[in-house]
């Protein structure tokens, strides 16, 4: 796991503790953040360093996740849906998982910066 991905998941762990999230919500939040950060690093970096900022905010309706980065523009709302993992590398369903557990509140790309805002759905 890359240092950037470790930092992002560490931030989620600290946030989950301070926000007193239940175990299921915290685990799902960690997976959501890992998926969106990994997608930026794996698919939009094109062998260059990417600067990103992750913000987590506790809302009554559930955690709000904001990821800002300087990678290639990619609006996850327009991504083709995938029904099964890629048999060659095992990936390909991360956005479907994110969509199952979070709502995409907004996405915009301007002046070389992307901003994705997700609202995690609360469990049970």
C-alpha atoms as a PDB file:
ATOM      1  CA  UNK A   1       0.000   0.000   0.000  1.00  0.00           C
ATOM      2  CA  UNK A   2       1.364   3.430  -0.936  1.00  0.00           C
ATOM      3  CA  UNK A   3       2.258   6.054   1.657  1.00  0.00           C
ATOM      4  CA  UNK A   4      -0.567   8.262   0.361  1.00  0.00           C
ATOM      5  CA  UNK A   5      -3.106   5.474   0.743  1.00  0.00           C
ATOM      6  CA  UNK A   6      -1.821   4.664   4.232  1.00  0.00           C
ATOM      7  CA  UNK A   7      -2.132   8.331   5.204  1.00  0.00           C
ATOM      8  CA  UNK A   8      -5.709   8.465   3.901  1.00  0.00           C
ATOM      9  CA  UNK A   9      -6.786   5.327   5.760  1.00  0.00           C
ATOM     10  CA  UNK A  10      -5.019   6.594   8.896  1.00  0.00           C
ATOM     11  CA  UNK A  11      -6.993   9.835   8.638  1.00  0.00           C
ATOM     12  CA  UNK A  12     -10.217   7.821   8.409  1.00  0.00           C
ATOM     13  CA  UNK A  13      -9.280   5.809  11.478  1.00  0.00           C
ATOM     14  CA  UNK A  14      -8.574   8.968  13.490  1.00  0.00           C
ATOM     15  CA  UNK A  15     -11.779  10.606  12.253  1.00  0.00           C
ATOM     16  CA  UNK A  16     -13.885   7.527  13.037  1.00  0.00           C
ATOM     17  CA  UNK A  17     -12.581   7.518  16.601  1.00  0.00           C
ATOM     18  CA  UNK A  18     -13.116  11.227  17.208  1.00  0.00           C
ATOM     19  CA  UNK A  19     -16.585  11.146  15.599  1.00  0.00           C
ATOM     20  CA  UNK A  20     -17.439   8.007  17.588  1.00  0.00           C
ATOM     21  CA  UNK A  21     -18.643   6.156  14.502  1.00  0.00           C
ATOM     22  CA  UNK A  22     -19.989   2.666  15.001  1.00  0.00           C
ATOM     23  CA  UNK A  23     -17.773  -0.156  13.781  1.00  0.00           C
ATOM     24  CA  UNK A  24     -19.701  -0.902  10.572  1.00  0.00           C
ATOM     25  CA  UNK A  25     -19.876   2.760   9.528  1.00  0.00           C
ATOM     26  CA  UNK A  26     -16.173   3.220  10.255  1.00  0.00           C
ATOM     27  CA  UNK A  27     -15.196   0.134   8.237  1.00  0.00           C
ATOM     28  CA  UNK A  28     -17.335   1.162   5.290  1.00  0.00           C
ATOM     29  CA  UNK A  29     -15.931   4.682   5.426  1.00  0.00           C
ATOM     30  CA  UNK A  30     -12.396   3.278   5.336  1.00  0.00           C
ATOM     31  CA  UNK A  31     -13.249   1.188   2.269  1.00  0.00           C
ATOM     32  CA  UNK A  32     -14.935   4.138   0.519  1.00  0.00           C
ATOM     33  CA  UNK A  33     -11.907   6.366   1.072  1.00  0.00           C
ATOM     34  CA  UNK A  34      -9.463   3.634   0.111  1.00  0.00           C
ATOM     35  CA  UNK A  35     -11.360   3.024  -3.142  1.00  0.00           C
ATOM     36  CA  UNK A  36     -11.588   6.657  -4.230  1.00  0.00           C
ATOM     37  CA  UNK A  37      -7.970   7.464  -3.339  1.00  0.00           C
ATOM     38  CA  UNK A  38      -6.711   4.260  -4.983  1.00  0.00           C
ATOM     39  CA  UNK A  39      -8.686   5.086  -8.133  1.00  0.00           C
ATOM     40  CA  UNK A  40      -6.984   8.468  -8.377  1.00  0.00           C
ATOM     41  CA  UNK A  41      -3.538   6.982  -7.759  1.00  0.00           C
ATOM     42  CA  UNK A  42      -4.002   3.942 -10.014  1.00  0.00           C
ATOM     43  CA  UNK A  43      -5.979   5.382 -12.912  1.00  0.00           C
ATOM     44  CA  UNK A  44      -5.469   9.132 -13.109  1.00  0.00           C
ATOM     45  CA  UNK A  45      -1.865   9.659 -12.035  1.00  0.00           C
ATOM     46  CA  UNK A  46      -0.208   8.335 -15.204  1.00  0.00           C
ATOM     47  CA  UNK A  47       3.147   7.829 -13.484  1.00  0.00           C
ATOM     48  CA  UNK A  48       3.299  11.298 -11.980  1.00  0.00           C
ATOM     49  CA  UNK A  49       2.973  12.545  -8.442  1.00  0.00           C
ATOM     50  CA  UNK A  50      -0.543  13.541  -7.466  1.00  0.00           C
ATOM     51  CA  UNK A  51      -1.335  16.049  -4.758  1.00  0.00           C
ATOM     52  CA  UNK A  52      -4.604  15.399  -2.991  1.00  0.00           C
ATOM     53  CA  UNK A  53      -6.475  16.663   0.028  1.00  0.00           C
ATOM     54  CA  UNK A  54      -8.909  14.510   1.966  1.00  0.00           C
ATOM     55  CA  UNK A  55     -11.459  16.152   4.242  1.00  0.00           C
ATOM     56  CA  UNK A  56     -13.838  14.278   6.526  1.00  0.00           C
ATOM     57  CA  UNK A  57     -16.755  15.931   8.270  1.00  0.00           C
ATOM     58  CA  UNK A  58     -19.263  14.441  10.680  1.00  0.00           C
ATOM     59  CA  UNK A  59     -22.867  15.182   9.752  1.00  0.00           C
ATOM     60  CA  UNK A  60     -26.042  13.939  11.351  1.00  0.00           C
ATOM     61  CA  UNK A  61     -26.890  12.272   8.022  1.00  0.00           C
ATOM     62  CA  UNK A  62     -23.506  10.486   7.946  1.00  0.00           C
ATOM     63  CA  UNK A  63     -19.853  11.223   7.230  1.00  0.00           C
ATOM     64  CA  UNK A  64     -19.119  13.683   4.422  1.00  0.00           C
ATOM     65  CA  UNK A  65     -15.989  12.900   2.383  1.00  0.00           C
ATOM     66  CA  UNK A  66     -14.305  15.485   0.170  1.00  0.00           C
ATOM     67  CA  UNK A  67     -11.380  14.519  -2.045  1.00  0.00           C
ATOM     68  CA  UNK A  68      -9.570  17.202  -4.014  1.00  0.00           C
ATOM     69  CA  UNK A  69      -6.731  16.286  -6.368  1.00  0.00           C
ATOM     70  CA  UNK A  70      -4.723  17.474  -9.353  1.00  0.00           C
ATOM     71  CA  UNK A  71      -5.026  14.294 -11.424  1.00  0.00           C
ATOM     72  CA  UNK A  72      -6.867  13.861 -14.703  1.00  0.00           C
ATOM     73  CA  UNK A  73     -10.536  14.826 -14.596  1.00  0.00           C
ATOM     74  CA  UNK A  74     -12.835  11.881 -13.924  1.00  0.00           C
ATOM     75  CA  UNK A  75     -16.492  12.210 -12.981  1.00  0.00           C
ATOM     76  CA  UNK A  76     -17.478   8.914 -11.315  1.00  0.00           C
ATOM     77  CA  UNK A  77     -21.142   9.605 -12.094  1.00  0.00           C
ATOM     78  CA  UNK A  78     -20.399   9.004 -15.776  1.00  0.00           C
ATOM     79  CA  UNK A  79     -18.367   5.821 -15.339  1.00  0.00           C
ATOM     80  CA  UNK A  80     -19.629   2.672 -17.024  1.00  0.00           C
ATOM     81  CA  UNK A  81     -21.081   0.229 -14.532  1.00  0.00           C
ATOM     82  CA  UNK A  82     -19.175  -2.987 -13.947  1.00  0.00           C
ATOM     83  CA  UNK A  83     -20.946  -6.135 -12.859  1.00  0.00           C
ATOM     84  CA  UNK A  84     -17.961  -8.365 -12.084  1.00  0.00           C
ATOM     85  CA  UNK A  85     -14.290  -7.898 -11.204  1.00  0.00           C
ATOM     86  CA  UNK A  86     -11.673  -7.798 -13.926  1.00  0.00           C
ATOM     87  CA  UNK A  87     -10.507 -11.448 -14.104  1.00  0.00           C
ATOM     88  CA  UNK A  88      -6.935 -10.443 -14.998  1.00  0.00           C
ATOM     89  CA  UNK A  89      -6.243  -8.050 -12.131  1.00  0.00           C
ATOM     90  CA  UNK A  90      -9.171  -8.543  -9.750  1.00  0.00           C
ATOM     91  CA  UNK A  91     -10.363  -4.940  -9.715  1.00  0.00           C
ATOM     92  CA  UNK A  92     -13.097  -3.016 -11.392  1.00  0.00           C
ATOM     93  CA  UNK A  93     -15.955  -2.936  -8.910  1.00  0.00           C
ATOM     94  CA  UNK A  94     -14.694  -0.248  -6.528  1.00  0.00           C
ATOM     95  CA  UNK A  95     -16.987   2.505  -7.799  1.00  0.00           C
ATOM     96  CA  UNK A  96     -19.983   0.175  -7.557  1.00  0.00           C
ATOM     97  CA  UNK A  97     -19.075  -0.488  -3.931  1.00  0.00           C
ATOM     98  CA  UNK A  98     -18.650   3.237  -3.242  1.00  0.00           C
ATOM     99  CA  UNK A  99     -22.045   3.917  -4.852  1.00  0.00           C
ATOM    100  CA  UNK A 100     -23.682   1.251  -2.694  1.00  0.00           C
ATOM    101  CA  UNK A 101     -22.485   2.895   0.519  1.00  0.00           C
ATOM    102  CA  UNK A 102     -22.344   6.578  -0.411  1.00  0.00           C
ATOM    103  CA  UNK A 103     -24.113   9.179  -2.490  1.00  0.00           C
ATOM    104  CA  UNK A 104     -22.083  11.336  -4.842  1.00  0.00           C
ATOM    105  CA  UNK A 105     -23.100  14.802  -3.714  1.00  0.00           C
ATOM    106  CA  UNK A 106     -21.027  16.638  -6.298  1.00  0.00           C
ATOM    107  CA  UNK A 107     -18.075  16.476  -8.629  1.00  0.00           C
ATOM    108  CA  UNK A 108     -16.362  19.301 -10.440  1.00  0.00           C
ATOM    109  CA  UNK A 109     -13.108  19.859 -12.240  1.00  0.00           C
ATOM    110  CA  UNK A 110     -11.695  23.325 -12.783  1.00  0.00           C
ATOM    111  CA  UNK A 111      -8.263  24.820 -13.277  1.00  0.00           C
ATOM    112  CA  UNK A 112      -6.527  21.456 -12.988  1.00  0.00           C
ATOM    113  CA  UNK A 113      -8.223  20.478  -9.715  1.00  0.00           C
ATOM    114  CA  UNK A 114     -10.917  17.858  -9.179  1.00  0.00           C
ATOM    115  CA  UNK A 115     -13.306  17.928  -6.260  1.00  0.00           C
ATOM    116  CA  UNK A 116     -15.450  14.920  -5.329  1.00  0.00           C
ATOM    117  CA  UNK A 117     -17.896  15.101  -2.422  1.00  0.00           C
ATOM    118  CA  UNK A 118     -19.539  11.947  -1.067  1.00  0.00           C
ATOM    119  CA  UNK A 119     -22.120  11.498   1.673  1.00  0.00           C
ATOM    120  CA  UNK A 120     -21.861   8.091   3.331  1.00  0.00           C
ATOM    121  CA  UNK A 121     -25.157   6.385   4.003  1.00  0.00           C
ATOM    122  CA  UNK A 122     -25.564   5.400   7.639  1.00  0.00           C
ATOM    123  CA  UNK A 123     -26.002   1.732   8.485  1.00  0.00           C
ATOM    124  CA  UNK A 124     -29.032   0.097  10.063  1.00  0.00           C
END
